[in-house]
Amino acid sequence: MAAEPRDRPPPEVRCQGLAKTYGDAGGALMALSTTDLVFEAGRTTALVGPSGCGKSTLLRLIAGLESPTTGSVEIGGESPLAVRKRAGLAMAFQDASLLPWRTVRGNVALALQLGRMPSDGEAVDRLISLVGLDGFEDSRPSQLSGGMRQRAAIARCLVTEPGLLLLDEPFGAVDELTRLRLNQDLPRLWEKRGTTTILVTHSITEAVLLSDRVLVFSARPGRVVADIPVALPRPRSRDSLEHPRFRMITDQVSAALMEGWQADAAQ
């Protein structure tokens, strides 16, 4: 597996006729309705919707961790498997999934090893510091809180500088103050490189603060009921939350969520 070139341009992600059903005809559960989507290269897209609506399923299909029932995914014209083999994408799950016998530093550095990239202790320590784990570099996961383990997982995800970054509720296990700090500091890392980023979140505020576009999903089987651009200047900070346009966009997202829920409830 060759390492991902650091100067490689970020990819466009194209989903065509994509759908996912679990089970068989006797007990089939459609998690994601037929979906056609294009995620622009170098842009951040947030996915919001009710629990169980297929947001995480879509992320796993894009990552190649699950196979679609119908349709296809292309990442810069390649299959998800091909991109994963060259460490061209990284994904942070809701579960940190750290190796218990490795330290924080060892878990973050593991991503470089698996991607067959040169070791870079400076980059590892810089990211550990950025996610607020100074002083815990040599701690093992059992010595950390759930939020601290999740921050270590985020650092591990970012250290390879992937062209495609997939984030599944990455800040859900951290306290509110740390979440605000990460929402402000971490996007600068992927924005600087122009990383194509897809974020699943239940927080409307977080979706608007971090993204260039918000896709609102209906209840299961998930389908896109609104595609809302976020035309706000960058870099964004806590002050952005007070911008009148920020409030207008969050209201749009809230209204779309409610309309999608009401439409499904009426069926």
Protein backbone atom coordinates (compact mmCIF):
# COMPACT_ATOMS: atom_id res chain seq x y z
CA MET A 1 0.00 0.00 0.00
CA ALA A 2 1.54 3.27 -1.08
CA ALA A 3 1.31 6.37 1.08
CA GLU A 4 -1.06 9.14 0.11
CA PRO A 5 0.93 12.02 -1.45
CA ARG A 6 0.53 15.04 0.80
CA ASP A 7 0.16 17.36 -2.21
CA ARG A 8 -2.54 15.28 -3.90
CA PRO A 9 -5.67 17.39 -4.58
CA PRO A 10 -8.75 16.61 -2.48
CA PRO A 11 -11.29 14.37 -4.21
CA GLU A 12 -14.88 14.86 -5.28
CA VAL A 13 -17.20 12.17 -3.90
CA ARG A 14 -20.00 10.96 -6.18
CA CYS A 15 -22.86 8.71 -5.02
CA GLN A 16 -25.06 7.36 -7.80
CA GLY A 17 -28.27 5.41 -7.18
CA LEU A 18 -26.94 4.55 -3.74
CA ALA A 19 -29.23 2.58 -1.40
CA LYS A 20 -28.80 0.21 1.52
CA THR A 21 -31.19 -2.46 2.80
CA TYR A 22 -30.44 -4.82 5.67
CA GLY A 23 -31.94 -8.29 6.03
CA ASP A 24 -33.80 -10.35 3.43
CA ALA A 25 -37.18 -10.16 1.76
CA GLY A 26 -38.83 -11.67 4.84
CA GLY A 27 -37.50 -8.99 7.17
CA ALA A 28 -35.87 -6.30 5.06
CA LEU A 29 -35.05 -2.92 6.60
CA MET A 30 -34.25 -0.09 4.21
CA ALA A 31 -31.75 2.20 5.95
CA LEU A 32 -31.06 4.55 3.03
CA SER A 33 -33.35 5.37 0.12
CA THR A 34 -31.93 5.64 -3.39
CA THR A 35 -29.60 8.61 -3.21
CA ASP A 36 -27.75 10.66 -5.82
CA LEU A 37 -25.26 13.09 -4.29
CA VAL A 38 -22.08 14.89 -5.21
CA PHE A 39 -19.78 16.16 -2.46
CA GLU A 40 -17.58 18.91 -3.89
CA ALA A 41 -13.83 18.58 -3.58
CA GLY A 42 -12.35 20.63 -0.77
CA ARG A 43 -15.71 21.47 0.82
CA THR A 44 -17.24 20.48 4.16
CA THR A 45 -20.73 18.98 4.15
CA ALA A 46 -22.75 18.29 7.28
CA LEU A 47 -25.42 15.57 7.44
CA VAL A 48 -28.23 16.10 9.96
CA GLY A 49 -31.43 14.18 10.61
CA PRO A 50 -33.26 11.98 13.11
CA SER A 51 -31.48 9.08 14.78
CA GLY A 52 -31.49 5.98 12.59
CA CYS A 53 -32.14 7.86 9.36
CA GLY A 54 -29.11 6.47 7.51
CA LYS A 55 -26.54 9.24 7.98
CA SER A 56 -23.92 6.93 9.46
CA THR A 57 -24.83 4.25 6.93
CA LEU A 58 -24.09 6.72 4.12
CA LEU A 59 -20.73 7.54 5.71
CA ARG A 60 -19.82 3.85 5.98
CA LEU A 61 -20.81 3.26 2.35
CA ILE A 62 -18.58 6.14 1.26
CA ALA A 63 -15.72 4.72 3.35
CA GLY A 64 -16.20 1.30 1.76
CA LEU A 65 -16.87 -0.30 5.15
CA GLU A 66 -20.23 -1.56 3.87
CA SER A 67 -21.37 -2.56 0.39
CA PRO A 68 -24.40 -0.83 -1.14
CA THR A 69 -27.50 -2.83 -2.00
CA THR A 70 -27.71 -0.80 -5.19
CA GLY A 71 -25.68 2.02 -6.70
CA SER A 72 -22.06 3.05 -6.41
CA VAL A 73 -19.59 5.42 -4.75
CA GLU A 74 -16.64 7.04 -6.51
CA ILE A 75 -13.99 9.08 -4.72
CA GLY A 76 -12.03 11.10 -7.22
CA GLY A 77 -12.96 8.50 -9.84
CA GLU A 78 -11.75 5.59 -7.68
CA SER A 79 -13.53 3.03 -5.55
CA PRO A 80 -13.59 3.52 -1.76
CA LEU A 81 -11.46 0.39 -1.37
CA ALA A 82 -8.75 1.74 -3.66
CA VAL A 83 -8.68 5.05 -1.77
CA ARG A 84 -8.51 3.28 1.60
CA LYS A 85 -5.63 1.10 0.41
CA ARG A 86 -3.49 4.15 -0.22
CA ALA A 87 -4.60 5.85 3.02
CA GLY A 88 -6.47 8.51 1.06
CA LEU A 89 -9.33 8.72 3.53
CA ALA A 90 -9.73 8.67 7.29
CA MET A 91 -12.81 8.18 9.43
CA ALA A 92 -13.52 9.07 13.05
CA PHE A 93 -16.31 6.99 14.58
CA GLN A 94 -18.55 7.66 17.57
CA ASP A 95 -16.52 4.93 19.30
CA ALA A 96 -12.88 5.95 19.67
CA SER A 97 -11.64 2.35 19.05
CA LEU A 98 -8.17 2.95 20.48
CA LEU A 99 -5.78 0.05 20.98
CA PRO A 100 -5.73 -0.49 24.76
CA TRP A 101 -2.06 -1.48 24.93
CA ARG A 102 -0.83 1.64 23.14
CA THR A 103 -0.36 5.08 24.62
CA VAL A 104 -2.08 8.15 23.24
CA ARG A 105 1.06 8.95 21.27
CA GLY A 106 1.27 5.37 20.03
CA ASN A 107 -2.37 5.31 18.94
CA VAL A 108 -2.04 8.55 16.98
CA ALA A 109 1.24 7.45 15.39
CA LEU A 110 -0.36 4.13 14.38
CA ALA A 111 -2.25 5.87 11.55
CA LEU A 112 1.08 6.87 9.97
CA GLN A 113 2.39 3.32 10.28
CA LEU A 114 -0.71 1.77 8.73
CA GLY A 115 -0.56 4.28 5.90
CA ARG A 116 3.13 3.45 5.36
CA MET A 117 4.04 7.07 5.94
CA PRO A 118 7.22 8.35 7.57
CA SER A 119 7.07 8.68 11.34
CA ASP A 120 6.51 12.28 12.38
CA GLY A 121 6.71 12.72 16.14
CA GLU A 122 6.39 16.48 15.84
CA ALA A 123 3.10 16.23 13.94
CA VAL A 124 1.79 13.62 16.39
CA ASP A 125 2.57 15.77 19.42
CA ARG A 126 1.21 18.90 17.75
CA LEU A 127 -2.16 17.25 17.15
CA ILE A 128 -2.24 15.78 20.66
CA SER A 129 -1.74 19.29 21.98
CA LEU A 130 -4.36 20.75 19.66
CA VAL A 131 -7.06 18.37 20.90
CA GLY A 132 -6.20 19.28 24.50
CA LEU A 133 -4.33 16.17 25.63
CA ASP A 134 -1.06 17.77 26.73
CA GLY A 135 0.39 15.72 29.56
CA PHE A 136 -1.44 12.55 28.51
CA GLU A 137 0.85 11.54 25.65
CA ASP A 138 2.04 8.45 27.52
CA SER A 139 -1.33 7.49 29.02
CA ARG A 140 -3.23 4.41 27.88
CA PRO A 141 -6.93 4.49 26.93
CA SER A 142 -7.99 2.93 30.27
CA GLN A 143 -6.54 5.99 32.02
CA LEU A 144 -8.61 8.44 29.96
CA SER A 145 -12.21 9.59 30.11
CA GLY A 146 -14.52 8.84 27.19
CA GLY A 147 -14.15 12.37 25.87
CA MET A 148 -10.37 12.21 26.08
CA ARG A 149 -10.32 8.93 24.18
CA GLN A 150 -12.44 10.51 21.47
CA ARG A 151 -10.06 13.45 21.19
CA ALA A 152 -7.16 11.03 20.75
CA ALA A 153 -9.11 9.30 17.98
CA ILE A 154 -9.65 12.63 16.22
CA ALA A 155 -5.92 13.37 16.38
CA ARG A 156 -5.21 9.92 14.93
CA CYS A 157 -7.66 10.62 12.11
CA LEU A 158 -6.04 13.93 11.17
CA VAL A 159 -2.35 13.02 11.42
CA THR A 160 -2.21 11.43 7.95
CA GLU A 161 -3.65 14.59 6.34
CA PRO A 162 -6.17 12.57 4.29
CA GLY A 163 -7.78 13.93 1.15
CA LEU A 164 -11.19 12.75 2.40
CA LEU A 165 -12.20 13.05 6.04
CA LEU A 166 -15.34 11.30 7.33
CA LEU A 167 -16.55 12.29 10.80
CA ASP A 168 -19.37 10.41 12.53
CA GLU A 169 -20.47 12.45 15.58
CA PRO A 170 -16.80 13.01 16.46
CA PHE A 171 -17.46 15.47 19.29
CA GLY A 172 -20.45 13.74 20.85
CA ALA A 173 -18.51 12.37 23.84
CA VAL A 174 -16.68 15.57 24.83
CA ASP A 175 -17.83 18.26 27.23
CA GLU A 176 -19.43 21.41 25.84
CA LEU A 177 -16.43 23.68 26.46
CA THR A 178 -14.02 21.28 24.72
CA ARG A 179 -16.54 20.82 21.91
CA LEU A 180 -16.61 24.57 21.27
CA ARG A 181 -12.82 24.67 21.24
CA LEU A 182 -12.56 21.74 18.81
CA ASN A 183 -15.27 23.24 16.60
CA GLN A 184 -13.15 26.37 16.31
CA ASP A 185 -9.63 24.92 16.10
CA LEU A 186 -9.85 21.63 14.19
CA PRO A 187 -11.54 22.87 10.97
CA ARG A 188 -8.53 25.07 10.32
CA LEU A 189 -6.46 21.92 9.84
CA TRP A 190 -8.61 20.44 7.09
CA GLU A 191 -9.52 23.83 5.58
CA LYS A 192 -5.84 24.72 5.21
CA ARG A 193 -5.25 21.61 3.11
CA GLY A 194 -8.62 21.84 1.39
CA THR A 195 -9.70 18.42 2.65
CA THR A 196 -13.06 17.11 1.43
CA THR A 197 -14.94 16.61 4.70
CA ILE A 198 -18.29 14.94 5.45
CA LEU A 199 -19.60 15.34 8.98
CA VAL A 200 -22.51 13.58 10.71
CA THR A 201 -23.86 15.55 13.67
CA HIS A 202 -27.04 15.94 15.69
CA SER A 203 -26.13 19.55 16.52
CA ILE A 204 -27.62 22.10 14.13
CA THR A 205 -25.31 24.79 15.51
CA GLU A 206 -22.26 22.59 14.91
CA ALA A 207 -23.43 21.69 11.40
CA VAL A 208 -23.72 25.34 10.37
CA LEU A 209 -20.56 26.45 12.15
CA LEU A 210 -18.35 23.81 10.48
CA SER A 211 -19.82 23.30 7.03
CA ASP A 212 -20.23 24.88 3.61
CA ARG A 213 -23.44 22.92 3.07
CA VAL A 214 -25.98 21.11 5.22
CA LEU A 215 -27.93 18.10 3.95
CA VAL A 216 -31.09 17.42 5.97
CA PHE A 217 -32.33 13.81 6.03
CA SER A 218 -35.80 12.46 6.68
CA ALA A 219 -36.53 9.62 9.08
CA ARG A 220 -35.68 6.07 7.96
CA PRO A 221 -35.39 5.19 5.18
CA GLY A 222 -33.21 8.24 4.88
CA ARG A 223 -33.63 10.62 1.98
CA VAL A 224 -32.41 14.18 1.52
CA VAL A 225 -35.25 16.64 2.16
CA ALA A 226 -33.18 19.86 2.04
CA ASP A 227 -29.83 20.97 0.67
CA ILE A 228 -28.88 24.22 2.41
CA PRO A 229 -25.75 26.23 1.48
CA VAL A 230 -23.84 27.92 4.30
CA ALA A 231 -22.56 31.21 2.86
CA LEU A 232 -20.65 32.48 5.88
CA PRO A 233 -17.11 33.87 5.89
CA ARG A 234 -14.20 31.83 7.23
CA PRO A 235 -12.45 31.41 9.56
CA ARG A 236 -15.40 31.02 11.90
CA SER A 237 -15.37 31.39 15.66
CA ARG A 238 -17.78 31.58 18.56
CA ASP A 239 -18.55 35.12 17.44
CA SER A 240 -20.00 33.64 14.23
CA LEU A 241 -22.86 32.26 16.30
CA GLU A 242 -24.12 35.82 16.82
CA HIS A 243 -24.11 36.68 13.10
CA PRO A 244 -27.68 37.31 11.85
CA ARG A 245 -27.11 35.08 8.82
CA PHE A 246 -25.90 32.26 11.08
CA ARG A 247 -29.17 32.38 12.95
CA MET A 248 -31.13 32.49 9.71
CA ILE A 249 -29.40 29.34 8.40
CA THR A 250 -29.88 27.43 11.65
CA ASP A 251 -33.58 28.34 11.48
CA GLN A 252 -33.69 26.97 7.90
CA VAL A 253 -32.15 23.69 9.00
CA SER A 254 -34.53 23.41 11.96
CA ALA A 255 -37.54 24.07 9.73
CA ALA A 256 -36.38 21.48 7.18
CA LEU A 257 -35.94 18.87 9.92
CA MET A 258 -39.43 19.53 11.22
CA GLU A 259 -41.00 19.51 7.75
CA GLY A 260 -39.29 16.22 6.91
CA TRP A 261 -40.49 14.66 10.16
CA GLN A 262 -44.05 15.89 9.66
CA ALA A 263 -44.16 14.65 6.05
CA ASP A 264 -42.99 11.17 7.08
CA ALA A 265 -45.41 11.06 10.03
CA ALA A 266 -48.30 11.87 7.70
CA GLN A 267 -47.54 8.96 5.37
